[in-house]
Amino acid sequence: MECPFNHEQPLQYYGDYLAIDQLLALQKPLSLQEGKLLAHDEMLFIVIHQAYELWFKQILHEITACGEVLSKPAADDDGPDMNVVVHRLKRVVEIWKLLNHQVDVLETMTPLDFLEFRELLHGASGFQSRQFREIEASLGLRMENRFRPDYYKHTELGGFNEKDFAEITEFEQKPTILGMVENWLERMPFFEEEFWRDWEDSPNEGAVQPGRSPFWNRYRLLYEQSLSERDDKPDLLGKFDDIFFKTGWGAFRSTALRAALFIMLYRDEPMFRLPFALLNSLIEIDEQLATFRYRHLQMVRRMIGTRVGTGGSSGEQYLQGAVNRNYIYKELAGVITFLIERRHLPALPPRLRQALRFSFTNR
C-alpha cells in the first residue's frame, strides 16, 4: 500500500500560488496619466475597496458553508455540525471587525485628497457592490425591510448594471440563514410532553393562560414579577403574549422565538452552549454590519458633507436611513427584553435536565 505522505508533489512558488503579479496589476487609477499618478490617494482608495471585496468573498464562502449544515433536516446540536457553524460565524464576526478597522486607514485620506479624483468616479458607488448585497440577502435582509428599496434595486444612474441586477435578483431567491435558523429553532424537541410530565413547578390556576404549556404559564408569571415600577407592565406583557404566542416578531415566527428565549435562559446547560453561541454570533454579525454602515456614514460626512454621492444617491441622508433600518436579527436580539435573573429561573424537570446533559457510559 502506498504511503499517502511520500508521493511527490510539484513544488509551489509563493507568487505563483497567490497570483501576485495578476493581483498587483488590478489597481488602475483613473488619475494615472503618462505614468504619473496625479491624485496620490486614489491608490489607497482602490486598494482598500479591493480588499473589501476579497473579504466579502471570504464571508460569502463562510456563510455558504454554514447554510449547507443548517439546511440539513437535522443538525447535530452537540456535535461537529453545530460546532462548525458556530466557528465559521465567529470568523465572520472577526472579519467584520477587521473591515470596520479598515475605515481608519481610509480616513487618513483628507477631503481635499479625495476631491482630487472624486469627479472621475461619476456614476460609481460602493452601493454597487454585488457581493455586499449578496451577503445581506444570504443573511436574511428582505427587500421590504430595507430603507428606501427604490434606491437599492434599480439600473439607473448609480444602480447596478444589467448583469449584476439579474444575479442579485436570482440570489435573493435562495434560502437564507435567517430562514434556516428559524426552522432549526422550531425543531427543538424540549417542549415535548414527555419531558414535562408531572412537573411540579406550575403556577396556580389564576395565572394559567389557555393553550400554553405549564412552563410558559409559570415563566410569564415570573417575568411579570421581575418587572419594576419603571417598566410599562401592560405593554411588555402584551408584547410577550403577541411575540411568543400569536404573531411572532419581524421575520421570526412565535415558535422559533420561544425556542430562542428558552436557549438564552438555559444557556449554561451543556446541550445549549453551542446553540446559544450560534444565536449570539448572528446578533454580533448584525451589530458589526450596523457599525460598518455607521462608519461609512461618518466617513461620507467627513469627506463630502451633505453633497450628493457619486452614484447619485442622497449620500448622508440615505446612509443614515440604512443605519437605522437595515437590521437583520433585531428581533432575535430583542428577545433579551424578556429575560429574568438566573436565580429565579424555574427548575427544569429531571427528564429534561438529563436530556440537556452529555451522556457518558462506563466501559
Protein backbone atom coordinates (compact mmCIF):
# COMPACT_ATOMS: atom_id res chain seq x y z
CA MET A 1 0.00 0.00 0.00
CA GLU A 2 1.43 3.37 -0.99
CA CYS A 3 2.09 5.81 1.84
CA PRO A 4 -0.07 8.92 1.26
CA PHE A 5 2.69 11.18 2.60
CA ASN A 6 5.52 10.02 0.34
CA HIS A 7 4.27 10.68 -3.19
CA GLU A 8 5.99 13.51 -4.98
CA GLN A 9 4.16 16.80 -5.44
CA PRO A 10 5.12 19.63 -7.76
CA LEU A 11 6.87 22.50 -5.99
CA GLN A 12 4.89 25.66 -5.48
CA TYR A 13 6.19 29.22 -5.58
CA TYR A 14 4.60 31.89 -3.35
CA GLY A 15 3.99 34.40 -6.12
CA ASP A 16 2.55 31.82 -8.50
CA TYR A 17 0.25 30.22 -5.93
CA LEU A 18 -1.23 33.59 -4.93
CA ALA A 19 -1.12 35.03 -8.46
CA ILE A 20 0.69 38.07 -7.09
CA ASP A 21 1.60 39.55 -10.49
CA GLN A 22 -2.03 39.45 -11.62
CA LEU A 23 -3.23 40.80 -8.27
CA LEU A 24 -0.88 43.77 -8.32
CA ALA A 25 -1.86 44.59 -11.89
CA LEU A 26 -5.51 45.14 -10.88
CA GLN A 27 -5.01 48.65 -9.45
CA LYS A 28 -5.74 51.06 -12.29
CA PRO A 29 -6.16 54.63 -11.01
CA LEU A 30 -8.12 56.89 -13.36
CA SER A 31 -5.87 59.81 -12.46
CA LEU A 32 -2.80 57.96 -13.77
CA GLN A 33 -1.57 59.86 -16.83
CA GLU A 34 1.64 59.14 -18.72
CA GLY A 35 2.97 57.08 -15.83
CA LYS A 36 2.30 59.79 -13.23
CA LEU A 37 -0.37 59.43 -10.53
CA LEU A 38 -1.95 62.87 -10.30
CA ALA A 39 -4.15 62.02 -7.29
CA HIS A 40 -1.86 60.25 -4.85
CA ASP A 41 -4.63 58.88 -2.58
CA GLU A 42 -6.55 57.23 -5.39
CA MET A 43 -4.25 54.22 -4.99
CA LEU A 44 -5.24 53.93 -1.32
CA PHE A 45 -8.92 54.24 -2.27
CA ILE A 46 -8.65 51.41 -4.79
CA VAL A 47 -6.61 49.07 -2.59
CA ILE A 48 -8.97 49.49 0.38
CA HIS A 49 -12.07 48.74 -1.69
CA GLN A 50 -10.48 45.80 -3.47
CA ALA A 51 -9.51 44.41 -0.06
CA TYR A 52 -13.15 44.81 1.00
CA GLU A 53 -14.28 42.74 -1.97
CA LEU A 54 -11.77 39.98 -1.19
CA TRP A 55 -13.06 39.79 2.38
CA PHE A 56 -16.65 39.86 1.11
CA LYS A 57 -15.76 36.80 -0.97
CA GLN A 58 -14.49 35.04 2.16
CA ILE A 59 -17.62 35.99 4.14
CA LEU A 60 -19.85 34.53 1.41
CA HIS A 61 -17.68 31.40 1.45
CA GLU A 62 -18.26 31.01 5.20
CA ILE A 63 -22.00 31.77 5.04
CA THR A 64 -22.48 29.26 2.22
CA ALA A 65 -20.74 26.56 4.28
CA CYS A 66 -22.97 27.38 7.27
CA GLY A 67 -26.03 27.11 5.07
CA GLU A 68 -25.01 23.64 3.91
CA VAL A 69 -25.13 22.45 7.54
CA LEU A 70 -28.20 24.37 8.67
CA SER A 71 -30.22 23.22 5.67
CA LYS A 72 -29.96 19.59 6.78
CA PRO A 73 -33.21 18.04 8.05
CA ALA A 74 -31.50 17.55 11.42
CA ALA A 75 -28.23 19.07 12.60
CA ASP A 76 -26.17 17.52 15.42
CA ASP A 77 -26.64 20.22 18.08
CA ASP A 78 -23.96 18.93 20.43
CA GLY A 79 -21.52 17.62 17.82
CA PRO A 80 -19.39 18.62 14.84
CA ASP A 81 -22.25 20.10 12.78
CA MET A 82 -23.12 22.92 15.14
CA ASN A 83 -19.52 23.45 16.18
CA VAL A 84 -18.56 24.06 12.55
CA VAL A 85 -21.37 26.57 12.07
CA VAL A 86 -20.50 28.49 15.24
CA HIS A 87 -16.81 28.51 14.38
CA ARG A 88 -17.45 29.92 10.92
CA LEU A 89 -19.93 32.53 12.11
CA LYS A 90 -17.43 33.71 14.71
CA ARG A 91 -14.88 34.02 11.91
CA VAL A 92 -17.36 36.23 10.02
CA VAL A 93 -17.64 38.42 13.13
CA GLU A 94 -13.86 38.84 13.25
CA ILE A 95 -13.70 39.67 9.54
CA TRP A 96 -16.30 42.40 10.01
CA LYS A 97 -14.26 43.84 12.88
CA LEU A 98 -11.28 43.98 10.53
CA LEU A 99 -13.36 45.65 7.80
CA ASN A 100 -14.57 48.25 10.26
CA HIS A 101 -10.98 48.94 11.26
CA GLN A 102 -10.04 49.46 7.61
CA VAL A 103 -12.15 52.62 7.68
CA ASP A 104 -9.50 54.11 9.99
CA VAL A 105 -6.93 53.65 7.24
CA LEU A 106 -9.22 55.10 4.59
CA GLU A 107 -9.86 58.14 6.78
CA THR A 108 -6.19 59.09 6.62
CA MET A 109 -7.26 60.49 3.23
CA THR A 110 -8.40 64.09 3.70
CA PRO A 111 -11.40 65.66 1.94
CA LEU A 112 -9.07 67.66 -0.34
CA ASP A 113 -7.17 64.45 -1.21
CA PHE A 114 -10.48 62.83 -2.20
CA LEU A 115 -11.60 65.81 -4.28
CA GLU A 116 -8.52 65.36 -6.47
CA PHE A 117 -10.14 62.31 -8.11
CA ARG A 118 -13.78 62.26 -6.92
CA GLU A 119 -15.25 63.60 -10.17
CA LEU A 120 -13.54 60.78 -12.08
CA LEU A 121 -15.79 58.33 -10.17
CA HIS A 122 -19.05 59.80 -11.50
CA GLY A 123 -21.69 57.02 -11.68
CA ALA A 124 -19.70 54.60 -9.48
CA SER A 125 -20.60 53.91 -5.85
CA GLY A 126 -19.85 51.39 -3.12
CA PHE A 127 -23.61 50.91 -3.21
CA GLN A 128 -23.00 48.83 -6.37
CA SER A 129 -21.04 46.10 -4.56
CA ARG A 130 -22.80 42.94 -5.72
CA GLN A 131 -21.09 40.80 -3.07
CA PHE A 132 -22.17 43.07 -0.23
CA ARG A 133 -25.79 42.83 -1.41
CA GLU A 134 -25.45 39.05 -1.62
CA ILE A 135 -24.13 38.95 1.95
CA GLU A 136 -27.14 40.94 3.15
CA ALA A 137 -29.53 38.73 1.20
CA SER A 138 -27.91 35.46 2.32
CA LEU A 139 -28.13 36.52 5.97
CA GLY A 140 -31.83 37.30 5.52
CA LEU A 141 -32.31 41.04 4.88
CA ARG A 142 -35.59 41.21 2.96
CA MET A 143 -36.38 43.79 0.30
CA GLU A 144 -39.43 45.07 2.18
CA ASN A 145 -37.37 45.63 5.34
CA ARG A 146 -34.77 47.84 3.64
CA PHE A 147 -34.63 51.59 3.86
CA ARG A 148 -35.67 53.04 0.51
CA PRO A 149 -35.91 49.82 -1.55
CA ASP A 150 -36.23 52.00 -4.66
CA TYR A 151 -32.66 53.17 -4.07
CA TYR A 152 -31.49 49.63 -3.59
CA LYS A 153 -32.84 47.90 -6.68
CA HIS A 154 -32.59 49.75 -9.99
CA THR A 155 -30.43 50.03 -13.11
CA GLU A 156 -30.47 53.82 -13.45
CA LEU A 157 -27.53 56.13 -12.65
CA GLY A 158 -25.76 54.81 -9.57
CA GLY A 159 -27.61 51.49 -9.68
CA PHE A 160 -26.49 48.07 -10.86
CA ASN A 161 -25.63 47.07 -14.38
CA GLU A 162 -27.99 44.57 -16.00
CA LYS A 163 -25.76 41.57 -15.25
CA ASP A 164 -25.36 42.32 -11.53
CA PHE A 165 -29.05 43.23 -11.22
CA ALA A 166 -30.04 39.84 -12.64
CA GLU A 167 -27.55 37.93 -10.48
CA ILE A 168 -28.65 39.67 -7.28
CA THR A 169 -32.31 39.08 -8.13
CA GLU A 170 -31.61 35.37 -8.61
CA PHE A 171 -29.51 35.24 -5.44
CA GLU A 172 -32.34 36.73 -3.39
CA GLN A 173 -34.50 33.69 -4.17
CA LYS A 174 -32.13 31.33 -2.34
CA PRO A 175 -32.77 30.12 1.23
CA THR A 176 -31.37 32.47 3.87
CA ILE A 177 -29.50 31.87 7.11
CA LEU A 178 -32.39 33.55 8.93
CA GLY A 179 -34.89 31.10 7.45
CA MET A 180 -32.68 28.11 8.17
CA VAL A 181 -32.10 29.20 11.78
CA GLU A 182 -35.83 29.73 12.24
CA ASN A 183 -36.53 26.18 11.01
CA TRP A 184 -33.74 24.84 13.22
CA LEU A 185 -35.17 26.61 16.29
CA GLU A 186 -38.62 25.20 15.60
CA ARG A 187 -37.20 21.67 15.58
CA MET A 188 -36.10 21.97 19.22
CA PRO A 189 -37.61 18.91 20.92
CA PHE A 190 -37.53 20.00 24.54
CA PHE A 191 -41.14 21.19 24.77
CA GLU A 192 -42.48 17.71 24.08
CA GLU A 193 -44.89 16.43 26.72
CA GLU A 194 -42.66 13.53 27.79
CA PHE A 195 -40.13 15.94 29.29
CA TRP A 196 -42.70 17.87 31.35
CA ARG A 197 -44.92 15.08 32.66
CA ASP A 198 -45.61 15.54 36.39
CA TRP A 199 -43.65 18.81 36.51
CA GLU A 200 -44.23 20.32 39.96
CA ASP A 201 -43.19 23.94 39.37
CA SER A 202 -46.53 25.06 37.91
CA PRO A 203 -48.41 28.31 38.64
CA ASN A 204 -51.73 28.49 40.41
CA GLU A 205 -54.92 28.39 38.39
CA GLY A 206 -55.26 32.18 38.28
CA ALA A 207 -52.02 32.56 36.33
CA VAL A 208 -52.78 29.93 33.69
CA GLN A 209 -53.10 31.12 30.09
CA PRO A 210 -55.25 28.79 27.94
CA GLY A 211 -53.38 26.71 25.36
CA ARG A 212 -49.93 27.17 26.90
CA SER A 213 -47.64 24.63 28.50
CA PRO A 214 -47.10 24.71 32.28
CA PHE A 215 -43.58 26.07 31.77
CA TRP A 216 -44.68 29.12 29.80
CA ASN A 217 -47.53 29.83 32.20
CA ARG A 218 -45.02 29.73 35.04
CA TYR A 219 -42.47 31.79 33.16
CA ARG A 220 -44.93 34.54 32.23
CA LEU A 221 -45.82 34.94 35.90
CA LEU A 222 -42.14 35.13 36.87
CA TYR A 223 -41.48 37.66 34.11
CA GLU A 224 -44.35 39.82 35.33
CA GLN A 225 -42.97 39.69 38.88
CA SER A 226 -39.49 40.68 37.61
CA LEU A 227 -40.72 43.96 36.12
CA SER A 228 -40.13 47.12 38.11
CA GLU A 229 -42.40 50.09 38.68
CA ARG A 230 -40.50 51.94 35.95
CA ASP A 231 -41.48 49.33 33.37
CA ASP A 232 -44.71 49.56 31.41
CA LYS A 233 -46.13 46.22 32.56
CA PRO A 234 -49.26 46.11 30.37
CA ASP A 235 -47.21 46.94 27.27
CA LEU A 236 -44.45 44.40 27.98
CA LEU A 237 -46.85 41.63 28.93
CA GLY A 238 -48.90 42.33 25.82
CA LYS A 239 -45.76 42.10 23.71
CA PHE A 240 -44.79 38.87 25.47
CA ASP A 241 -48.13 37.31 24.54
CA ASP A 242 -48.03 38.57 20.95
CA ILE A 243 -44.37 37.77 20.23
CA PHE A 244 -44.18 34.32 21.76
CA PHE A 245 -47.73 33.01 21.25
CA LYS A 246 -49.52 34.93 18.50
CA THR A 247 -47.92 36.99 15.74
CA GLY A 248 -44.21 36.41 16.24
CA TRP A 249 -41.84 39.33 15.69
CA GLY A 250 -40.41 40.65 12.46
CA ALA A 251 -39.35 37.75 10.24
CA PHE A 252 -39.43 35.24 13.13
CA ARG A 253 -42.41 33.06 14.00
CA SER A 254 -43.52 32.73 17.61
CA THR A 255 -42.44 29.07 17.94
CA ALA A 256 -38.90 29.95 16.88
CA LEU A 257 -38.75 32.90 19.28
CA ARG A 258 -39.93 30.73 22.18
CA ALA A 259 -37.10 28.31 21.44
CA ALA A 260 -34.60 31.20 21.22
CA LEU A 261 -35.77 32.55 24.59
CA PHE A 262 -35.53 29.10 26.16
CA ILE A 263 -31.97 28.67 24.86
CA MET A 264 -30.96 32.09 26.18
CA LEU A 265 -32.48 31.36 29.59
CA TYR A 266 -30.80 27.97 29.98
CA ARG A 267 -27.62 28.75 28.05
CA ASP A 268 -25.47 27.16 30.77
CA GLU A 269 -26.90 23.71 30.13
CA PRO A 270 -24.32 21.70 28.15
CA MET A 271 -26.66 20.98 25.23
CA PHE A 272 -27.44 24.69 24.79
CA ARG A 273 -23.91 26.10 24.78
CA LEU A 274 -23.41 25.78 21.04
CA PRO A 275 -26.98 26.84 20.13
CA PHE A 276 -26.55 29.94 22.30
CA ALA A 277 -23.19 30.68 20.67
CA LEU A 278 -24.87 30.42 17.26
CA LEU A 279 -27.63 32.90 18.19
CA ASN A 280 -25.12 35.23 19.80
CA SER A 281 -22.88 35.13 16.72
CA LEU A 282 -25.78 36.14 14.47
CA ILE A 283 -26.55 39.07 16.76
CA GLU A 284 -22.86 40.07 16.71
CA ILE A 285 -22.77 39.92 12.91
CA ASP A 286 -25.77 42.26 12.80
CA GLU A 287 -24.01 44.64 15.21
CA GLN A 288 -20.84 44.64 13.12
CA LEU A 289 -22.85 45.28 9.95
CA ALA A 290 -24.53 48.23 11.68
CA THR A 291 -21.12 49.52 12.73
CA PHE A 292 -19.88 49.13 9.15
CA ARG A 293 -22.78 51.22 7.85
CA TYR A 294 -22.30 53.83 10.57
CA ARG A 295 -18.55 54.13 9.94
CA HIS A 296 -19.29 54.59 6.25
CA LEU A 297 -21.82 57.30 7.12
CA GLN A 298 -19.26 59.08 9.28
CA MET A 299 -16.67 58.87 6.52
CA VAL A 300 -19.07 60.31 3.94
CA ARG A 301 -19.93 63.19 6.26
CA ARG A 302 -16.23 63.85 6.72
CA MET A 303 -15.35 63.62 3.03
CA ILE A 304 -18.23 65.31 1.19
CA GLY A 305 -20.54 66.72 3.86
CA THR A 306 -24.13 66.76 2.58
CA ARG A 307 -23.29 66.67 -1.13
CA VAL A 308 -24.87 64.09 -3.45
CA GLY A 309 -22.95 60.82 -3.73
CA THR A 310 -21.01 59.91 -6.87
CA GLY A 311 -23.67 57.30 -7.64
CA GLY A 312 -26.44 59.89 -7.46
CA SER A 313 -27.86 58.93 -4.06
CA SER A 314 -28.68 61.49 -1.38
CA GLY A 315 -25.44 60.48 0.32
CA GLU A 316 -25.64 61.17 4.04
CA GLN A 317 -29.45 61.01 4.17
CA TYR A 318 -29.65 57.58 2.58
CA LEU A 319 -26.80 56.17 4.66
CA GLN A 320 -28.38 57.41 7.90
CA GLY A 321 -31.63 55.68 6.97
CA ALA A 322 -29.80 52.44 6.20
CA VAL A 323 -28.02 52.58 9.57
CA ASN A 324 -31.35 52.89 11.37
CA ARG A 325 -33.37 50.41 9.31
CA ASN A 326 -31.29 47.66 7.72
CA TYR A 327 -31.04 45.26 10.64
CA ILE A 328 -31.49 41.53 10.07
CA TYR A 329 -31.62 39.95 13.54
CA LYS A 330 -33.00 42.89 15.52
CA GLU A 331 -35.90 40.82 16.85
CA LEU A 332 -33.61 37.97 17.83
CA ALA A 333 -31.53 40.45 19.84
CA GLY A 334 -34.76 41.89 21.26
CA VAL A 335 -35.56 38.59 22.97
CA ILE A 336 -33.29 39.73 25.83
CA THR A 337 -36.12 42.13 26.81
CA PHE A 338 -37.94 39.09 28.19
CA LEU A 339 -35.17 37.50 30.28
CA ILE A 340 -35.29 37.18 34.06
CA GLU A 341 -32.50 36.65 36.58
CA ARG A 342 -30.86 33.22 36.67
CA ARG A 343 -31.74 32.69 40.34
CA HIS A 344 -35.44 32.98 39.55
CA LEU A 345 -35.48 30.52 36.65
CA PRO A 346 -37.89 27.59 37.07
CA ALA A 347 -36.17 24.32 37.92
CA LEU A 348 -36.37 22.01 34.93
CA PRO A 349 -37.89 18.52 35.33
CA PRO A 350 -35.36 15.71 35.85
CA ARG A 351 -36.08 14.08 32.47
CA LEU A 352 -35.30 17.33 30.66
CA ARG A 353 -32.21 18.15 32.73
CA GLN A 354 -30.84 14.73 31.87
CA ALA A 355 -31.57 15.28 28.15
CA LEU A 356 -29.68 18.60 28.24
CA ARG A 357 -26.51 16.98 29.57
CA PHE A 358 -23.95 14.96 27.70
CA SER A 359 -24.35 11.23 28.36
CA PHE A 360 -21.34 9.05 29.13
CA THR A 361 -21.31 5.28 29.65
CA ASN A 362 -18.69 3.29 31.53
CA ARG A 363 -16.92 0.60 29.59
